[in-house]
Amino acid sequence: MFGADRCMFESNYPLEKMGTNYTALWNTFKRTAYHASDHERGDLFGGTANRAYRLGCEPAWQFAPVSGVIDVKKWL
C-alpha cells in the first residue's frame, strides 16, 4: 500500500526487553527489509523518520546492513 518513503521501523525498546532482546529486534528489522533496495532500506531505517519529523540531520548510517549478525554496541 505504501512505499518505503512513507514507512519506518520503530520500537518501544527498552520496554520490549520483556519479550525480546535488542539483537533479535534488529535482526527482525533486517530480515523484514532483506529484499528492499539500498535506498528503501535507507528510508526504513532512518530516512523517512528524518523527513517526517523534520530532524534535519543525516542518519547515523546510510543504509542498514543486511547480511551477518549485528554488533549491537556499534549501533548504540
N, C-alpha and C. Protein backbone atom coordinates (compact mmCIF):
# COMPACT_ATOMS: atom_id res chain seq x y z
N MET A 1 0.81 -1.18 0.00
CA MET A 1 0.00 0.00 0.00
C MET A 1 0.86 1.26 0.00
N PHE A 2 1.86 1.31 0.87
CA PHE A 2 2.77 2.45 0.92
C PHE A 2 4.17 1.98 0.57
N GLY A 3 4.94 2.86 -0.01
CA GLY A 3 6.34 2.55 -0.29
C GLY A 3 7.20 2.87 0.93
N ALA A 4 8.48 2.56 0.81
CA ALA A 4 9.41 2.80 1.92
C ALA A 4 9.53 4.28 2.25
N ASP A 5 9.21 5.14 1.29
CA ASP A 5 9.30 6.58 1.55
C ASP A 5 8.19 7.06 2.49
N ARG A 6 7.24 6.18 2.81
CA ARG A 6 6.17 6.52 3.76
C ARG A 6 6.11 5.56 4.94
N CYS A 7 7.16 4.73 5.10
CA CYS A 7 7.19 3.75 6.18
C CYS A 7 8.50 3.88 6.95
N MET A 8 8.47 3.46 8.20
CA MET A 8 9.70 3.45 9.01
C MET A 8 9.59 2.38 10.07
N PHE A 9 10.74 1.88 10.49
CA PHE A 9 10.77 0.94 11.60
C PHE A 9 10.73 1.73 12.90
N GLU A 10 10.10 1.15 13.90
CA GLU A 10 10.06 1.76 15.23
C GLU A 10 10.02 0.64 16.24
N SER A 11 10.30 1.00 17.48
CA SER A 11 10.17 0.02 18.55
C SER A 11 9.86 0.75 19.84
N ASN A 12 9.49 0.00 20.83
CA ASN A 12 9.26 0.54 22.17
C ASN A 12 10.38 0.12 23.10
N TYR A 13 11.54 -0.11 22.52
CA TYR A 13 12.67 -0.52 23.33
C TYR A 13 13.05 0.63 24.25
N PRO A 14 13.30 0.46 25.51
CA PRO A 14 13.63 -0.76 26.23
C PRO A 14 12.44 -1.51 26.80
N LEU A 15 11.22 -1.02 26.64
CA LEU A 15 10.07 -1.76 27.16
C LEU A 15 9.95 -3.14 26.52
N GLU A 16 10.41 -3.28 25.29
CA GLU A 16 10.33 -4.56 24.61
C GLU A 16 11.27 -5.60 25.19
N LYS A 17 12.14 -5.21 26.10
CA LYS A 17 13.05 -6.18 26.72
C LYS A 17 12.29 -7.30 27.40
N MET A 18 11.04 -7.07 27.73
CA MET A 18 10.24 -8.13 28.36
C MET A 18 9.96 -9.27 27.39
N GLY A 19 9.98 -8.99 26.09
CA GLY A 19 9.64 -10.02 25.12
C GLY A 19 10.75 -10.38 24.16
N THR A 20 11.78 -9.55 24.05
CA THR A 20 12.87 -9.82 23.11
C THR A 20 14.12 -9.07 23.55
N ASN A 21 15.22 -9.34 22.89
CA ASN A 21 16.43 -8.57 23.17
C ASN A 21 16.75 -7.68 21.97
N TYR A 22 17.66 -6.76 22.16
CA TYR A 22 17.95 -5.75 21.12
C TYR A 22 18.47 -6.38 19.84
N THR A 23 19.34 -7.37 19.95
CA THR A 23 19.88 -8.02 18.76
C THR A 23 18.78 -8.70 17.97
N ALA A 24 17.89 -9.42 18.63
CA ALA A 24 16.78 -10.08 17.94
C ALA A 24 15.87 -9.06 17.26
N LEU A 25 15.63 -7.94 17.91
CA LEU A 25 14.80 -6.88 17.33
C LEU A 25 15.43 -6.35 16.05
N TRP A 26 16.71 -6.01 16.11
CA TRP A 26 17.40 -5.50 14.91
C TRP A 26 17.43 -6.54 13.81
N ASN A 27 17.69 -7.79 14.15
CA ASN A 27 17.72 -8.84 13.14
C ASN A 27 16.35 -9.03 12.50
N THR A 28 15.28 -8.84 13.25
CA THR A 28 13.93 -8.89 12.68
C THR A 28 13.73 -7.77 11.68
N PHE A 29 14.17 -6.57 12.02
CA PHE A 29 14.08 -5.45 11.07
C PHE A 29 14.88 -5.75 9.81
N LYS A 30 16.09 -6.29 9.98
CA LYS A 30 16.93 -6.61 8.82
C LYS A 30 16.27 -7.64 7.93
N ARG A 31 15.70 -8.68 8.53
CA ARG A 31 15.05 -9.72 7.72
C ARG A 31 13.83 -9.18 7.00
N THR A 32 13.10 -8.29 7.65
CA THR A 32 11.92 -7.70 7.03
C THR A 32 12.32 -6.89 5.79
N ALA A 33 13.45 -6.22 5.86
CA ALA A 33 13.89 -5.35 4.77
C ALA A 33 14.86 -6.03 3.81
N TYR A 34 15.03 -7.33 3.93
CA TYR A 34 16.04 -8.06 3.16
C TYR A 34 15.93 -7.82 1.66
N HIS A 35 14.73 -7.84 1.11
CA HIS A 35 14.56 -7.72 -0.33
C HIS A 35 14.40 -6.29 -0.81
N ALA A 36 14.47 -5.34 0.11
CA ALA A 36 14.36 -3.93 -0.28
C ALA A 36 15.67 -3.46 -0.89
N SER A 37 15.59 -2.45 -1.74
CA SER A 37 16.80 -1.87 -2.32
C SER A 37 17.56 -1.09 -1.24
N ASP A 38 18.79 -0.72 -1.55
CA ASP A 38 19.57 0.08 -0.60
C ASP A 38 18.85 1.37 -0.24
N HIS A 39 18.27 2.02 -1.23
CA HIS A 39 17.55 3.27 -0.99
C HIS A 39 16.34 3.05 -0.08
N GLU A 40 15.59 1.98 -0.34
CA GLU A 40 14.43 1.66 0.50
C GLU A 40 14.85 1.35 1.93
N ARG A 41 15.93 0.59 2.10
CA ARG A 41 16.42 0.31 3.46
C ARG A 41 16.84 1.60 4.15
N GLY A 42 17.46 2.51 3.42
CA GLY A 42 17.83 3.80 4.00
C GLY A 42 16.61 4.55 4.52
N ASP A 43 15.51 4.49 3.76
CA ASP A 43 14.27 5.14 4.21
C ASP A 43 13.70 4.43 5.45
N LEU A 44 13.63 3.10 5.40
CA LEU A 44 13.04 2.35 6.51
C LEU A 44 13.82 2.51 7.81
N PHE A 45 15.14 2.59 7.71
CA PHE A 45 15.98 2.65 8.90
C PHE A 45 16.36 4.07 9.30
N GLY A 46 15.69 5.08 8.79
CA GLY A 46 16.00 6.43 9.28
C GLY A 46 15.61 7.56 8.37
N GLY A 47 15.66 7.35 7.06
CA GLY A 47 15.39 8.43 6.13
C GLY A 47 13.97 8.97 6.23
N THR A 48 12.98 8.08 6.31
CA THR A 48 11.59 8.52 6.41
C THR A 48 11.35 9.28 7.71
N ALA A 49 11.88 8.79 8.81
CA ALA A 49 11.73 9.48 10.10
C ALA A 49 12.39 10.85 10.05
N ASN A 50 13.55 10.92 9.43
CA ASN A 50 14.26 12.19 9.31
C ASN A 50 13.41 13.22 8.57
N ARG A 51 12.76 12.78 7.51
CA ARG A 51 11.91 13.71 6.74
C ARG A 51 10.59 14.00 7.47
N ALA A 52 9.94 12.96 7.99
CA ALA A 52 8.62 13.12 8.62
C ALA A 52 8.68 14.03 9.84
N TYR A 53 9.72 13.87 10.63
CA TYR A 53 9.84 14.66 11.86
C TYR A 53 10.72 15.90 11.69
N ARG A 54 11.13 16.13 10.43
CA ARG A 54 11.95 17.31 10.08
C ARG A 54 13.15 17.44 11.02
N LEU A 55 13.88 16.35 11.15
CA LEU A 55 15.02 16.33 12.05
C LEU A 55 16.20 17.13 11.51
N GLY A 56 16.30 17.21 10.19
CA GLY A 56 17.36 17.99 9.58
C GLY A 56 18.75 17.43 9.81
N CYS A 57 18.84 16.14 10.04
CA CYS A 57 20.16 15.54 10.27
C CYS A 57 20.33 14.34 9.35
N GLU A 58 21.57 13.97 9.16
CA GLU A 58 21.84 12.75 8.41
C GLU A 58 21.70 11.57 9.35
N PRO A 59 21.10 10.49 8.88
CA PRO A 59 21.03 9.30 9.73
C PRO A 59 22.43 8.84 10.11
N ALA A 60 22.54 8.13 11.22
CA ALA A 60 23.84 7.66 11.70
C ALA A 60 24.47 6.68 10.71
N TRP A 61 23.69 6.07 9.85
CA TRP A 61 24.18 5.17 8.82
C TRP A 61 23.38 5.44 7.56
N GLN A 62 24.04 5.25 6.41
CA GLN A 62 23.35 5.47 5.14
C GLN A 62 22.36 4.35 4.85
N PHE A 63 22.81 3.15 4.96
CA PHE A 63 21.95 2.01 4.67
C PHE A 63 22.20 0.94 5.71
N ALA A 64 21.16 0.35 6.20
CA ALA A 64 21.27 -0.69 7.22
C ALA A 64 21.90 -1.94 6.62
N PRO A 65 22.82 -2.57 7.33
CA PRO A 65 23.43 -3.80 6.81
C PRO A 65 22.39 -4.91 6.74
N VAL A 66 22.55 -5.78 5.76
CA VAL A 66 21.58 -6.85 5.57
C VAL A 66 22.16 -8.19 5.97
N SER A 67 23.42 -8.42 5.71
CA SER A 67 23.98 -9.74 5.99
C SER A 67 24.76 -9.74 7.29
N GLY A 68 24.90 -10.91 7.86
CA GLY A 68 25.69 -11.05 9.07
C GLY A 68 24.91 -10.68 10.32
N VAL A 69 25.56 -10.89 11.44
CA VAL A 69 24.97 -10.57 12.73
C VAL A 69 25.39 -9.17 13.11
N ILE A 70 24.47 -8.42 13.66
CA ILE A 70 24.76 -7.05 14.04
C ILE A 70 25.58 -7.01 15.33
N ASP A 71 26.61 -6.19 15.33
CA ASP A 71 27.35 -5.88 16.56
C ASP A 71 26.57 -4.77 17.24
N VAL A 72 25.78 -5.12 18.24
CA VAL A 72 24.86 -4.17 18.88
C VAL A 72 25.59 -2.95 19.39
N LYS A 73 26.77 -3.12 19.98
CA LYS A 73 27.50 -1.99 20.55
C LYS A 73 27.83 -0.95 19.50
N LYS A 74 28.01 -1.36 18.26
CA LYS A 74 28.33 -0.44 17.16
C LYS A 74 27.16 0.52 16.90
N TRP A 75 25.94 0.09 17.15
CA TRP A 75 24.75 0.88 16.80
C TRP A 75 24.20 1.68 17.96
N LEU A 76 24.77 1.54 19.17
CA LEU A 76 24.27 2.27 20.33
C LEU A 76 24.95 3.58 20.49
